[in-house]
Amino acid sequence: MALQEYFGETCPHCIVMKPMVEKLEKELGVTVEKFEVWNNDENAKKLETVDKGLCGGVPFFFNTENHQFICGGTDEETLRAWMKGELESKQ
């Protein structure tokens, strides 16, 4: 499963999500590939390609296998379900 997080370095919602992402990566034994998009043009272009108008902002969490995504900050339960590929509906 390929999990991706697109974030902005100083984005307040992204900063809040960071410890939760790190905790769940350790707990579940998964890795979320992280792409900073506010200061990196290449990553910003990648976000545009992946996002396709789904979110339009950060944080944006995307599963490249099942296309489940989370737009914006969320709670730990929802993030855990996304990391496990068990998110019931697209956010």
PDB file of N, CA and C in Angstrom:
ATOM      1  N   MET A   1       0.855  -1.176   0.000  1.00  0.00           N
ATOM      2  CA  MET A   1       0.000   0.000   0.000  1.00  0.00           C
ATOM      3  C   MET A   1       0.898   1.234   0.000  1.00  0.00           C
ATOM      4  N   ALA A   2       0.594   2.186  -0.844  1.00  0.00           N
ATOM      5  CA  ALA A   2       1.386   3.411  -0.929  1.00  0.00           C
ATOM      6  C   ALA A   2       0.595   4.573  -0.329  1.00  0.00           C
ATOM      7  N   LEU A   3       1.022   5.013   0.835  1.00  0.00           N
ATOM      8  CA  LEU A   3       0.356   6.094   1.544  1.00  0.00           C
ATOM      9  C   LEU A   3       1.158   7.370   1.373  1.00  0.00           C
ATOM     10  N   GLN A   4       0.469   8.452   1.037  1.00  0.00           N
ATOM     11  CA  GLN A   4       1.135   9.728   0.809  1.00  0.00           C
ATOM     12  C   GLN A   4       0.457  10.826   1.616  1.00  0.00           C
ATOM     13  N   GLU A   5       1.280  11.728   2.136  1.00  0.00           N
ATOM     14  CA  GLU A   5       0.779  12.928   2.798  1.00  0.00           C
ATOM     15  C   GLU A   5       1.400  14.136   2.117  1.00  0.00           C
ATOM     16  N   TYR A   6       0.553  15.057   1.705  1.00  0.00           N
ATOM     17  CA  TYR A   6       0.996  16.326   1.137  1.00  0.00           C
ATOM     18  C   TYR A   6       0.723  17.389   2.192  1.00  0.00           C
ATOM     19  N   PHE A   7       1.746  18.197   2.496  1.00  0.00           N
ATOM     20  CA  PHE A   7       1.622  19.150   3.593  1.00  0.00           C
ATOM     21  C   PHE A   7       2.388  20.427   3.289  1.00  0.00           C
ATOM     22  N   GLY A   8       2.071  21.462   4.051  1.00  0.00           N
ATOM     23  CA  GLY A   8       2.815  22.713   4.003  1.00  0.00           C
ATOM     24  C   GLY A   8       3.628  22.847   5.276  1.00  0.00           C
ATOM     25  N   GLU A   9       4.865  23.263   5.141  1.00  0.00           N
ATOM     26  CA  GLU A   9       5.795  23.314   6.276  1.00  0.00           C
ATOM     27  C   GLU A   9       5.240  24.085   7.471  1.00  0.00           C
ATOM     28  N   THR A  10       4.580  25.210   7.225  1.00  0.00           N
ATOM     29  CA  THR A  10       4.059  26.023   8.324  1.00  0.00           C
ATOM     30  C   THR A  10       2.536  25.978   8.420  1.00  0.00           C
ATOM     31  N   CYS A  11       1.916  25.044   7.730  1.00  0.00           N
ATOM     32  CA  CYS A  11       0.454  24.880   7.773  1.00  0.00           C
ATOM     33  C   CYS A  11       0.038  24.440   9.181  1.00  0.00           C
ATOM     34  N   PRO A  12      -0.823  25.211   9.868  1.00  0.00           N
ATOM     35  CA  PRO A  12      -1.188  24.850  11.242  1.00  0.00           C
ATOM     36  C   PRO A  12      -1.896  23.501  11.341  1.00  0.00           C
ATOM     37  N   HIS A  13      -2.736  23.166  10.377  1.00  0.00           N
ATOM     38  CA  HIS A  13      -3.433  21.870  10.404  1.00  0.00           C
ATOM     39  C   HIS A  13      -2.437  20.725  10.213  1.00  0.00           C
ATOM     40  N   CYS A  14      -1.448  20.944   9.358  1.00  0.00           N
ATOM     41  CA  CYS A  14      -0.416  19.931   9.107  1.00  0.00           C
ATOM     42  C   CYS A  14       0.433  19.707  10.350  1.00  0.00           C
ATOM     43  N   ILE A  15       0.757  20.781  11.041  1.00  0.00           N
ATOM     44  CA  ILE A  15       1.562  20.698  12.261  1.00  0.00           C
ATOM     45  C   ILE A  15       0.825  19.888  13.326  1.00  0.00           C
ATOM     46  N   VAL A  16      -0.483  20.091  13.434  1.00  0.00           N
ATOM     47  CA  VAL A  16      -1.297  19.339  14.398  1.00  0.00           C
ATOM     48  C   VAL A  16      -1.326  17.853  14.037  1.00  0.00           C
ATOM     49  N   MET A  17      -1.377  17.532  12.742  1.00  0.00           N
ATOM     50  CA  MET A  17      -1.482  16.144  12.292  1.00  0.00           C
ATOM     51  C   MET A  17      -0.167  15.373  12.425  1.00  0.00           C
ATOM     52  N   LYS A  18       0.964  16.060  12.390  1.00  0.00           N
ATOM     53  CA  LYS A  18       2.275  15.396  12.345  1.00  0.00           C
ATOM     54  C   LYS A  18       2.487  14.361  13.453  1.00  0.00           C
ATOM     55  N   PRO A  19       2.273  14.696  14.744  1.00  0.00           N
ATOM     56  CA  PRO A  19       2.513  13.681  15.778  1.00  0.00           C
ATOM     57  C   PRO A  19       1.553  12.496  15.674  1.00  0.00           C
ATOM     58  N   MET A  20       0.336  12.737  15.219  1.00  0.00           N
ATOM     59  CA  MET A  20      -0.633  11.655  15.059  1.00  0.00           C
ATOM     60  C   MET A  20      -0.182  10.701  13.947  1.00  0.00           C
ATOM     61  N   VAL A  21       0.283  11.268  12.833  1.00  0.00           N
ATOM     62  CA  VAL A  21       0.785  10.452  11.722  1.00  0.00           C
ATOM     63  C   VAL A  21       1.964   9.610  12.202  1.00  0.00           C
ATOM     64  N   GLU A  22       2.905  10.229  12.894  1.00  0.00           N
ATOM     65  CA  GLU A  22       4.092   9.522  13.373  1.00  0.00           C
ATOM     66  C   GLU A  22       3.721   8.412  14.354  1.00  0.00           C
ATOM     67  N   LYS A  23       2.793   8.684  15.252  1.00  0.00           N
ATOM     68  CA  LYS A  23       2.351   7.687  16.230  1.00  0.00           C
ATOM     69  C   LYS A  23       1.752   6.475  15.526  1.00  0.00           C
ATOM     70  N   LEU A  24       0.864   6.724  14.560  1.00  0.00           N
ATOM     71  CA  LEU A  24       0.194   5.623  13.879  1.00  0.00           C
ATOM     72  C   LEU A  24       1.136   4.866  12.944  1.00  0.00           C
ATOM     73  N   GLU A  25       2.112   5.548  12.371  1.00  0.00           N
ATOM     74  CA  GLU A  25       3.114   4.840  11.560  1.00  0.00           C
ATOM     75  C   GLU A  25       3.806   3.781  12.422  1.00  0.00           C
ATOM     76  N   LYS A  26       4.208   4.164  13.627  1.00  0.00           N
ATOM     77  CA  LYS A  26       4.886   3.235  14.536  1.00  0.00           C
ATOM     78  C   LYS A  26       3.935   2.133  14.987  1.00  0.00           C
ATOM     79  N   GLU A  27       2.734   2.530  15.388  1.00  0.00           N
ATOM     80  CA  GLU A  27       1.751   1.579  15.907  1.00  0.00           C
ATOM     81  C   GLU A  27       1.363   0.535  14.862  1.00  0.00           C
ATOM     82  N   LEU A  28       1.174   0.963  13.614  1.00  0.00           N
ATOM     83  CA  LEU A  28       0.689   0.070  12.560  1.00  0.00           C
ATOM     84  C   LEU A  28       1.809  -0.514  11.705  1.00  0.00           C
ATOM     85  N   GLY A  29       3.027  -0.028  11.894  1.00  0.00           N
ATOM     86  CA  GLY A  29       4.146  -0.526  11.104  1.00  0.00           C
ATOM     87  C   GLY A  29       4.062  -0.152   9.633  1.00  0.00           C
ATOM     88  N   VAL A  30       3.552   1.046   9.363  1.00  0.00           N
ATOM     89  CA  VAL A  30       3.440   1.528   7.986  1.00  0.00           C
ATOM     90  C   VAL A  30       4.274   2.799   7.828  1.00  0.00           C
ATOM     91  N   THR A  31       4.512   3.158   6.591  1.00  0.00           N
ATOM     92  CA  THR A  31       5.234   4.387   6.290  1.00  0.00           C
ATOM     93  C   THR A  31       4.371   5.257   5.398  1.00  0.00           C
ATOM     94  N   VAL A  32       4.249   6.515   5.765  1.00  0.00           N
ATOM     95  CA  VAL A  32       3.545   7.494   4.944  1.00  0.00           C
ATOM     96  C   VAL A  32       4.615   8.340   4.264  1.00  0.00           C
ATOM     97  N   GLU A  33       4.611   8.325   2.940  1.00  0.00           N
ATOM     98  CA  GLU A  33       5.560   9.140   2.179  1.00  0.00           C
ATOM     99  C   GLU A  33       5.092  10.586   2.250  1.00  0.00           C
ATOM    100  N   LYS A  34       5.982  11.479   2.636  1.00  0.00           N
ATOM    101  CA  LYS A  34       5.591  12.871   2.885  1.00  0.00           C
ATOM    102  C   LYS A  34       6.169  13.802   1.827  1.00  0.00           C
ATOM    103  N   PHE A  35       5.318  14.729   1.372  1.00  0.00           N
ATOM    104  CA  PHE A  35       5.699  15.681   0.334  1.00  0.00           C
ATOM    105  C   PHE A  35       5.354  17.092   0.788  1.00  0.00           C
ATOM    106  N   GLU A  36       6.368  17.916   1.035  1.00  0.00           N
ATOM    107  CA  GLU A  36       6.152  19.319   1.393  1.00  0.00           C
ATOM    108  C   GLU A  36       5.880  20.081   0.096  1.00  0.00           C
ATOM    109  N   VAL A  37       4.739  20.787   0.033  1.00  0.00           N
ATOM    110  CA  VAL A  37       4.307  21.395  -1.236  1.00  0.00           C
ATOM    111  C   VAL A  37       4.377  22.915  -1.269  1.00  0.00           C
ATOM    112  N   TRP A  38       4.533  23.570  -0.151  1.00  0.00           N
ATOM    113  CA  TRP A  38       4.545  25.034  -0.142  1.00  0.00           C
ATOM    114  C   TRP A  38       5.890  25.603  -0.584  1.00  0.00           C
ATOM    115  N   ASN A  39       6.964  24.859  -0.343  1.00  0.00           N
ATOM    116  CA  ASN A  39       8.307  25.339  -0.667  1.00  0.00           C
ATOM    117  C   ASN A  39       9.010  24.461  -1.698  1.00  0.00           C
ATOM    118  N   ASN A  40       8.285  23.530  -2.287  1.00  0.00           N
ATOM    119  CA  ASN A  40       8.884  22.604  -3.243  1.00  0.00           C
ATOM    120  C   ASN A  40       7.976  22.508  -4.467  1.00  0.00           C
ATOM    121  N   ASP A  41       8.384  23.140  -5.561  1.00  0.00           N
ATOM    122  CA  ASP A  41       7.559  23.186  -6.772  1.00  0.00           C
ATOM    123  C   ASP A  41       7.288  21.803  -7.353  1.00  0.00           C
ATOM    124  N   GLU A  42       8.276  20.930  -7.297  1.00  0.00           N
ATOM    125  CA  GLU A  42       8.096  19.577  -7.834  1.00  0.00           C
ATOM    126  C   GLU A  42       7.004  18.834  -7.063  1.00  0.00           C
ATOM    127  N   ASN A  43       7.032  18.943  -5.738  1.00  0.00           N
ATOM    128  CA  ASN A  43       6.003  18.303  -4.912  1.00  0.00           C
ATOM    129  C   ASN A  43       4.642  18.951  -5.122  1.00  0.00           C
ATOM    130  N   ALA A  44       4.612  20.268  -5.313  1.00  0.00           N
ATOM    131  CA  ALA A  44       3.350  20.969  -5.567  1.00  0.00           C
ATOM    132  C   ALA A  44       2.719  20.474  -6.866  1.00  0.00           C
ATOM    133  N   LYS A  45       3.528  20.247  -7.876  1.00  0.00           N
ATOM    134  CA  LYS A  45       3.012  19.719  -9.147  1.00  0.00           C
ATOM    135  C   LYS A  45       2.498  18.298  -8.971  1.00  0.00           C
ATOM    136  N   LYS A  46       3.206  17.514  -8.168  1.00  0.00           N
ATOM    137  CA  LYS A  46       2.766  16.143  -7.888  1.00  0.00           C
ATOM    138  C   LYS A  46       1.407  16.164  -7.184  1.00  0.00           C
ATOM    139  N   LEU A  47       1.241  17.080  -6.239  1.00  0.00           N
ATOM    140  CA  LEU A  47      -0.038  17.211  -5.545  1.00  0.00           C
ATOM    141  C   LEU A  47      -1.155  17.530  -6.530  1.00  0.00           C
ATOM    142  N   GLU A  48      -0.926  18.452  -7.432  1.00  0.00           N
ATOM    143  CA  GLU A  48      -1.944  18.801  -8.429  1.00  0.00           C
ATOM    144  C   GLU A  48      -2.346  17.581  -9.243  1.00  0.00           C
ATOM    145  N   THR A  49      -1.382  16.764  -9.613  1.00  0.00           N
ATOM    146  CA  THR A  49      -1.650  15.561 -10.401  1.00  0.00           C
ATOM    147  C   THR A  49      -2.476  14.551  -9.611  1.00  0.00           C
ATOM    148  N   VAL A  50      -2.135  14.368  -8.349  1.00  0.00           N
ATOM    149  CA  VAL A  50      -2.817  13.384  -7.507  1.00  0.00           C
ATOM    150  C   VAL A  50      -4.168  13.904  -7.030  1.00  0.00           C
ATOM    151  N   ASP A  51      -4.217  15.154  -6.627  1.00  0.00           N
ATOM    152  CA  ASP A  51      -5.420  15.756  -6.045  1.00  0.00           C
ATOM    153  C   ASP A  51      -6.564  15.841  -7.058  1.00  0.00           C
ATOM    154  N   LYS A  52      -6.288  16.284  -8.247  1.00  0.00           N
ATOM    155  CA  LYS A  52      -7.291  16.410  -9.316  1.00  0.00           C
ATOM    156  C   LYS A  52      -8.553  17.119  -8.838  1.00  0.00           C
ATOM    157  N   GLY A  53      -8.381  18.148  -8.011  1.00  0.00           N
ATOM    158  CA  GLY A  53      -9.522  18.920  -7.537  1.00  0.00           C
ATOM    159  C   GLY A  53     -10.288  18.298  -6.387  1.00  0.00           C
ATOM    160  N   LEU A  54      -9.804  17.201  -5.825  1.00  0.00           N
ATOM    161  CA  LEU A  54     -10.499  16.532  -4.724  1.00  0.00           C
ATOM    162  C   LEU A  54     -10.472  17.363  -3.450  1.00  0.00           C
ATOM    163  N   CYS A  55      -9.339  18.017  -3.211  1.00  0.00           N
ATOM    164  CA  CYS A  55      -9.154  18.717  -1.943  1.00  0.00           C
ATOM    165  C   CYS A  55      -8.790  20.182  -2.156  1.00  0.00           C
ATOM    166  N   GLY A  56      -7.736  20.420  -2.881  1.00  0.00           N
ATOM    167  CA  GLY A  56      -7.304  21.787  -3.144  1.00  0.00           C
ATOM    168  C   GLY A  56      -6.537  22.436  -2.014  1.00  0.00           C
ATOM    169  N   GLY A  57      -6.118  21.643  -1.049  1.00  0.00           N
ATOM    170  CA  GLY A  57      -5.373  22.200   0.075  1.00  0.00           C
ATOM    171  C   GLY A  57      -4.603  21.124   0.804  1.00  0.00           C
ATOM    172  N   VAL A  58      -4.024  21.515   1.926  1.00  0.00           N
ATOM    173  CA  VAL A  58      -3.251  20.580   2.743  1.00  0.00           C
ATOM    174  C   VAL A  58      -3.725  20.664   4.190  1.00  0.00           C
ATOM    175  N   PRO A  59      -3.553  19.610   4.956  1.00  0.00           N
ATOM    176  CA  PRO A  59      -2.967  18.347   4.549  1.00  0.00           C
ATOM    177  C   PRO A  59      -3.907  17.554   3.635  1.00  0.00           C
ATOM    178  N   PHE A  60      -3.295  16.761   2.771  1.00  0.00           N
ATOM    179  CA  PHE A  60      -4.029  15.882   1.864  1.00  0.00           C
ATOM    180  C   PHE A  60      -3.381  14.513   1.964  1.00  0.00           C
ATOM    181  N   PHE A  61      -4.150  13.534   2.391  1.00  0.00           N
ATOM    182  CA  PHE A  61      -3.668  12.165   2.556  1.00  0.00           C
ATOM    183  C   PHE A  61      -4.256  11.323   1.434  1.00  0.00           C
ATOM    184  N   PHE A  62      -3.401  10.568   0.729  1.00  0.00           N
ATOM    185  CA  PHE A  62      -3.862   9.807  -0.435  1.00  0.00           C
ATOM    186  C   PHE A  62      -3.261   8.411  -0.433  1.00  0.00           C
ATOM    187  N   ASN A  63      -4.107   7.416  -0.672  1.00  0.00           N
ATOM    188  CA  ASN A  63      -3.687   6.026  -0.809  1.00  0.00           C
ATOM    189  C   ASN A  63      -3.659   5.718  -2.302  1.00  0.00           C
ATOM    190  N   THR A  64      -2.484   5.465  -2.853  1.00  0.00           N
ATOM    191  CA  THR A  64      -2.358   5.282  -4.300  1.00  0.00           C
ATOM    192  C   THR A  64      -2.939   3.962  -4.790  1.00  0.00           C
ATOM    193  N   GLU A  65      -3.179   3.016  -3.898  1.00  0.00           N
ATOM    194  CA  GLU A  65      -3.730   1.725  -4.315  1.00  0.00           C
ATOM    195  C   GLU A  65      -5.246   1.754  -4.438  1.00  0.00           C
ATOM    196  N   ASN A  66      -5.931   2.258  -3.409  1.00  0.00           N
ATOM    197  CA  ASN A  66      -7.397   2.226  -3.433  1.00  0.00           C
ATOM    198  C   ASN A  66      -8.015   3.607  -3.623  1.00  0.00           C
ATOM    199  N   HIS A  67      -7.186   4.623  -3.757  1.00  0.00           N
ATOM    200  CA  HIS A  67      -7.598   6.008  -4.023  1.00  0.00           C
ATOM    201  C   HIS A  67      -8.420   6.623  -2.893  1.00  0.00           C
ATOM    202  N   GLN A  68      -8.373   6.028  -1.707  1.00  0.00           N
ATOM    203  CA  GLN A  68      -9.015   6.640  -0.552  1.00  0.00           C
ATOM    204  C   GLN A  68      -8.202   7.864  -0.160  1.00  0.00           C
ATOM    205  N   PHE A  69      -8.901   8.918   0.239  1.00  0.00           N
ATOM    206  CA  PHE A  69      -8.194  10.135   0.610  1.00  0.00           C
ATOM    207  C   PHE A  69      -8.861  10.812   1.787  1.00  0.00           C
ATOM    208  N   ILE A  70      -8.086  11.641   2.455  1.00  0.00           N
ATOM    209  CA  ILE A  70      -8.587  12.506   3.516  1.00  0.00           C
ATOM    210  C   ILE A  70      -8.143  13.912   3.163  1.00  0.00           C
ATOM    211  N   CYS A  71      -9.091  14.807   3.180  1.00  0.00           N
ATOM    212  CA  CYS A  71      -8.828  16.209   2.870  1.00  0.00           C
ATOM    213  C   CYS A  71      -8.862  17.003   4.173  1.00  0.00           C
ATOM    214  N   GLY A  72      -7.721  17.577   4.545  1.00  0.00           N
ATOM    215  CA  GLY A  72      -7.665  18.377   5.758  1.00  0.00           C
ATOM    216  C   GLY A  72      -7.333  17.551   6.983  1.00  0.00           C
ATOM    217  N   GLY A  73      -7.349  18.216   8.124  1.00  0.00           N
ATOM    218  CA  GLY A  73      -7.091  17.539   9.381  1.00  0.00           C
ATOM    219  C   GLY A  73      -8.226  16.585   9.716  1.00  0.00           C
ATOM    220  N   THR A  74      -7.932  15.573  10.514  1.00  0.00           N
ATOM    221  CA  THR A  74      -8.937  14.584  10.871  1.00  0.00           C
ATOM    222  C   THR A  74      -8.622  14.016  12.247  1.00  0.00           C
ATOM    223  N   ASP A  75      -9.463  13.103  12.715  1.00  0.00           N
ATOM    224  CA  ASP A  75      -9.228  12.478  14.015  1.00  0.00           C
ATOM    225  C   ASP A  75      -8.403  11.198  13.844  1.00  0.00           C
ATOM    226  N   GLU A  76      -7.906  10.695  14.955  1.00  0.00           N
ATOM    227  CA  GLU A  76      -7.021   9.529  14.926  1.00  0.00           C
ATOM    228  C   GLU A  76      -7.719   8.292  14.368  1.00  0.00           C
ATOM    229  N   GLU A  77      -8.977   8.084  14.708  1.00  0.00           N
ATOM    230  CA  GLU A  77      -9.720   6.913  14.236  1.00  0.00           C
ATOM    231  C   GLU A  77      -9.817   6.894  12.706  1.00  0.00           C
ATOM    232  N   THR A  78     -10.127   8.041  12.114  1.00  0.00           N
ATOM    233  CA  THR A  78     -10.243   8.132  10.656  1.00  0.00           C
ATOM    234  C   THR A  78      -8.887   7.942   9.999  1.00  0.00           C
ATOM    235  N   LEU A  79      -7.856   8.555  10.566  1.00  0.00           N
ATOM    236  CA  LEU A  79      -6.513   8.415  10.007  1.00  0.00           C
ATOM    237  C   LEU A  79      -6.054   6.961  10.085  1.00  0.00           C
ATOM    238  N   ARG A  80      -6.345   6.287  11.190  1.00  0.00           N
ATOM    239  CA  ARG A  80      -5.982   4.878  11.352  1.00  0.00           C
ATOM    240  C   ARG A  80      -6.676   4.024  10.286  1.00  0.00           C
ATOM    241  N   ALA A  81      -7.970   4.252  10.078  1.00  0.00           N
ATOM    242  CA  ALA A  81      -8.711   3.494   9.063  1.00  0.00           C
ATOM    243  C   ALA A  81      -8.105   3.715   7.679  1.00  0.00           C
ATOM    244  N   TRP A  82      -7.725   4.960   7.373  1.00  0.00           N
ATOM    245  CA  TRP A  82      -7.111   5.266   6.080  1.00  0.00           C
ATOM    246  C   TRP A  82      -5.782   4.526   5.934  1.00  0.00           C
ATOM    247  N   MET A  83      -4.970   4.543   6.988  1.00  0.00           N
ATOM    248  CA  MET A  83      -3.667   3.879   6.934  1.00  0.00           C
ATOM    249  C   MET A  83      -3.805   2.373   6.746  1.00  0.00           C
ATOM    250  N   LYS A  84      -4.892   1.801   7.243  1.00  0.00           N
ATOM    251  CA  LYS A  84      -5.118   0.363   7.120  1.00  0.00           C
ATOM    252  C   LYS A  84      -5.863   0.008   5.832  1.00  0.00           C
ATOM    253  N   GLY A  85      -6.237   1.020   5.044  1.00  0.00           N
ATOM    254  CA  GLY A  85      -6.985   0.774   3.811  1.00  0.00           C
ATOM    255  C   GLY A  85      -8.431   0.430   4.072  1.00  0.00           C
ATOM    256  N   GLU A  86      -8.949   0.872   5.218  1.00  0.00           N
ATOM    257  CA  GLU A  86     -10.304   0.515   5.634  1.00  0.00           C
ATOM    258  C   GLU A  86     -11.235   1.713   5.738  1.00  0.00           C
ATOM    259  N   LEU A  87     -10.864   2.820   5.140  1.00  0.00           N
ATOM    260  CA  LEU A  87     -11.712   4.008   5.192  1.00  0.00           C
ATOM    261  C   LEU A  87     -12.968   3.711   4.392  1.00  0.00           C
ATOM    262  N   GLU A  88     -14.142   3.830   5.025  1.00  0.00           N
ATOM    263  CA  GLU A  88     -15.383   3.421   4.375  1.00  0.00           C
ATOM    264  C   GLU A  88     -15.807   4.338   3.250  1.00  0.00           C
ATOM    265  N   SER A  89     -15.640   5.631   3.445  1.00  0.00           N
ATOM    266  CA  SER A  89     -16.049   6.556   2.388  1.00  0.00           C
ATOM    267  C   SER A  89     -14.979   7.610   2.215  1.00  0.00           C
ATOM    268  N   LYS A  90     -14.905   8.164   1.032  1.00  0.00           N
ATOM    269  CA  LYS A  90     -13.928   9.216   0.770  1.00  0.00           C
ATOM    270  C   LYS A  90     -14.329  10.457   1.538  1.00  0.00           C
ATOM    271  N   GLN A  91     -13.354  11.107   2.137  1.00  0.00           N
ATOM    272  CA  GLN A  91     -13.584  12.293   2.966  1.00  0.00           C
ATOM    273  C   GLN A  91     -13.581  13.531   2.119  1.00  0.00           C
TER     274      GLN A  91
END
